[in-house]
C-alpha atoms as a PDB file:
ATOM      1  CA  MET A   1     107.358  98.307 148.402  1.00  0.00           C
ATOM      2  CA  LYS A   2     105.588 101.717 147.331  1.00  0.00           C
ATOM      3  CA  ALA A   3     102.229 101.201 146.069  1.00  0.00           C
ATOM      4  CA  LYS A   4     100.824 103.231 143.377  1.00  0.00           C
ATOM      5  CA  TYR A   5      97.743 104.630 143.094  1.00  0.00           C
ATOM      6  CA  ILE A   6      95.556 106.189 140.355  1.00  0.00           C
ATOM      7  CA  ASN A   7      94.802 109.806 140.891  1.00  0.00           C
ATOM      8  CA  PRO A   8      91.689 109.440 138.587  1.00  0.00           C
ATOM      9  CA  TYR A   9      91.528 113.608 138.734  1.00  0.00           C
ATOM     10  CA  THR A  10      94.909 113.604 136.931  1.00  0.00           C
ATOM     11  CA  ASP A  11      95.924 110.329 135.691  1.00  0.00           C
ATOM     12  CA  ILE A  12      93.278 109.205 133.726  1.00  0.00           C
ATOM     13  CA  PHE A  13      92.366 112.974 132.184  1.00  0.00           C
ATOM     14  CA  SER A  14      96.107 112.668 130.590  1.00  0.00           C
ATOM     15  CA  GLU A  15      94.711 109.795 127.957  1.00  0.00           C
ATOM     16  CA  GLU A  16      94.934 111.064 124.379  1.00  0.00           C
ATOM     17  CA  ILE A  17      91.279 110.971 124.280  1.00  0.00           C
ATOM     18  CA  PHE A  18      90.448 113.077 127.322  1.00  0.00           C
ATOM     19  CA  LEU A  19      93.120 115.315 125.564  1.00  0.00           C
ATOM     20  CA  GLN A  20      91.319 115.634 122.404  1.00  0.00           C
ATOM     21  CA  GLY A  21      88.316 116.466 123.804  1.00  0.00           C
ATOM     22  CA  PHE A  22      89.440 118.881 126.285  1.00  0.00           C
ATOM     23  CA  LYS A  23      90.922 120.496 122.648  1.00  0.00           C
ATOM     24  CA  ARG A  24      87.316 120.346 120.924  1.00  0.00           C
ATOM     25  CA  ALA A  25      85.658 121.893 123.868  1.00  0.00           C
ATOM     26  CA  GLU A  26      88.127 124.632 123.888  1.00  0.00           C
ATOM     27  CA  ILE A  27      87.680 125.262 120.166  1.00  0.00           C
ATOM     28  CA  ALA A  28      83.749 125.308 120.276  1.00  0.00           C
ATOM     29  CA  GLY A  29      84.062 128.268 123.104  1.00  0.00           C
ATOM     30  CA  PHE A  30      85.771 130.362 120.517  1.00  0.00           C
ATOM     31  CA  ASP A  31      84.175 133.583 119.135  1.00  0.00           C
ATOM     32  CA  GLU A  32      84.078 134.519 115.638  1.00  0.00           C
ATOM     33  CA  LYS A  33      87.228 136.034 115.318  1.00  0.00           C
ATOM     34  CA  GLN A  34      88.924 133.449 117.368  1.00  0.00           C
ATOM     35  CA  LEU A  35      87.513 130.979 115.133  1.00  0.00           C
ATOM     36  CA  ALA A  36      88.794 132.715 111.905  1.00  0.00           C
ATOM     37  CA  GLU A  37      92.170 133.128 113.609  1.00  0.00           C
ATOM     38  CA  TYR A  38      91.981 129.303 114.445  1.00  0.00           C
ATOM     39  CA  GLU A  39      90.790 128.060 110.904  1.00  0.00           C
ATOM     40  CA  GLU A  40      92.999 130.328 109.277  1.00  0.00           C
ATOM     41  CA  SER A  41      96.222 128.801 111.085  1.00  0.00           C
ATOM     42  CA  LEU A  42      94.732 125.152 110.166  1.00  0.00           C
ATOM     43  CA  LYS A  43      95.001 126.182 106.227  1.00  0.00           C
ATOM     44  CA  VAL A  44      98.639 127.710 106.947  1.00  0.00           C
ATOM     45  CA  TYR A  45      99.309 124.212 108.949  1.00  0.00           C
ATOM     46  CA  ARG A  46      97.788 121.906 106.025  1.00  0.00           C
ATOM     47  CA  TYR A  47      99.856 123.886 103.364  1.00  0.00           C
ATOM     48  CA  LEU A  48     103.016 123.671 105.147  1.00  0.00           C
ATOM     49  CA  LYS A  49     102.538 119.978 105.817  1.00  0.00           C
ATOM     50  CA  GLY A  50     101.622 119.094 102.275  1.00  0.00           C
ATOM     51  CA  VAL A  51     104.935 121.141 101.103  1.00  0.00           C
ATOM     52  CA  ILE A  52     106.809 119.182 103.519  1.00  0.00           C
ATOM     53  CA  ASP A  53     105.464 115.640 102.804  1.00  0.00           C
ATOM     54  CA  THR A  54     105.844 116.561  98.795  1.00  0.00           C
ATOM     55  CA  SER A  55     109.441 117.445  99.325  1.00  0.00           C
ATOM     56  CA  TYR A  56     109.893 114.464 101.218  1.00  0.00           C
ATOM     57  CA  GLU A  57     108.487 111.957  98.763  1.00  0.00           C
ATOM     58  CA  GLU A  58     110.505 114.080  96.088  1.00  0.00           C
ATOM     59  CA  GLY A  59     113.685 113.725  98.287  1.00  0.00           C
ATOM     60  CA  LYS A  60     113.144 109.874  98.581  1.00  0.00           C
ATOM     61  CA  THR A  61     112.398 109.427  94.771  1.00  0.00           C
ATOM     62  CA  GLU A  62     115.473 111.740  93.691  1.00  0.00           C
ATOM     63  CA  GLY A  63     117.547 109.554  96.363  1.00  0.00           C
ATOM     64  CA  LYS A  64     116.587 105.945  94.825  1.00  0.00           C
ATOM     65  CA  MET A  65     117.441 107.119  91.618  1.00  0.00           C
ATOM     66  CA  GLU A  66     120.755 108.545  92.835  1.00  0.00           C
ATOM     67  CA  GLY A  67     121.504 105.181  94.362  1.00  0.00           C
ATOM     68  CA  LYS A  68     120.290 103.471  91.036  1.00  0.00           C
ATOM     69  CA  LEU A  69     122.418 105.313  89.046  1.00  0.00           C
ATOM     70  CA  GLU A  70     125.572 104.628  91.354  1.00  0.00           C
ATOM     71  CA  ILE A  71     125.309 100.892  91.739  1.00  0.00           C
ATOM     72  CA  ALA A  72     124.782 100.926  87.808  1.00  0.00           C
ATOM     73  CA  GLU A  73     127.817 102.865  87.285  1.00  0.00           C
ATOM     74  CA  ALA A  74     129.500 100.578  89.571  1.00  0.00           C
ATOM     75  CA  MET A  75     128.506  97.840  87.826  1.00  0.00           C
ATOM     76  CA  LYS A  76     129.383  99.364  84.655  1.00  0.00           C
ATOM     77  CA  THR A  77     132.961  99.776  85.652  1.00  0.00           C
ATOM     78  CA  SER A  78     133.258  96.427  86.872  1.00  0.00           C
ATOM     79  CA  GLY A  79     132.206  95.014  83.036  1.00  0.00           C
ATOM     80  CA  GLU A  80     128.598  93.713  84.011  1.00  0.00           C
ATOM     81  CA  SER A  81     126.465  93.530  80.760  1.00  0.00           C
ATOM     82  CA  PRO A  82     124.053  96.266  80.068  1.00  0.00           C
ATOM     83  CA  ASP A  83     121.210  93.405  80.395  1.00  0.00           C
ATOM     84  CA  ARG A  84     122.160  92.630  83.798  1.00  0.00           C
ATOM     85  CA  ILE A  85     122.641  96.300  85.067  1.00  0.00           C
ATOM     86  CA  VAL A  86     119.038  96.661  83.894  1.00  0.00           C
ATOM     87  CA  LYS A  87     117.493  93.383  85.950  1.00  0.00           C
ATOM     88  CA  PHE A  88     119.168  94.931  89.170  1.00  0.00           C
ATOM     89  CA  THR A  89     118.773  98.702  89.165  1.00  0.00           C
ATOM     90  CA  GLY A  90     115.641  98.529  86.892  1.00  0.00           C
ATOM     91  CA  LEU A  91     116.827 101.603  84.723  1.00  0.00           C
ATOM     92  CA  SER A  92     116.726 101.416  81.073  1.00  0.00           C
ATOM     93  CA  LYS A  93     119.478 100.826  78.576  1.00  0.00           C
ATOM     94  CA  GLU A  94     119.414 104.215  77.631  1.00  0.00           C
ATOM     95  CA  GLU A  95     119.682 105.714  81.311  1.00  0.00           C
ATOM     96  CA  ILE A  96     122.636 102.827  81.511  1.00  0.00           C
ATOM     97  CA  ASP A  97     124.130 103.913  78.123  1.00  0.00           C
ATOM     98  CA  ARG A  98     124.062 107.772  79.734  1.00  0.00           C
ATOM     99  CA  ILE A  99     126.369 106.661  82.193  1.00  0.00           C
END
C-alpha cells in the first residue's frame, strides 16, 4: 500500500484561502498604472456579468411565460374551462382569451 504524504509547501498552499491571499498580495504590489488597469478590468467584468445575469433572468422569465402559454393552449384545445386554466397556469382570463 502506497502512503500519501502531505507536502506542506505545495498541498496546503493550493487551498482556496491561500490562493485568495496570494492574489491579494499580487494586487497590493501593483504600481499606479497596473492598479488602474486592474480596476478598469474589474469594471468591465462587473458590467458584463451584470448584463449576462440580467439576460439570464429575463430569459428564465420569458421561458416560464412561454411554458404557461403552451400549457394554457393545450388545456384550451382539450376543452378545459377558463377558470381551470387560470388556476393551473396563473394566467389572467384576458391572456387566455388571446390564445
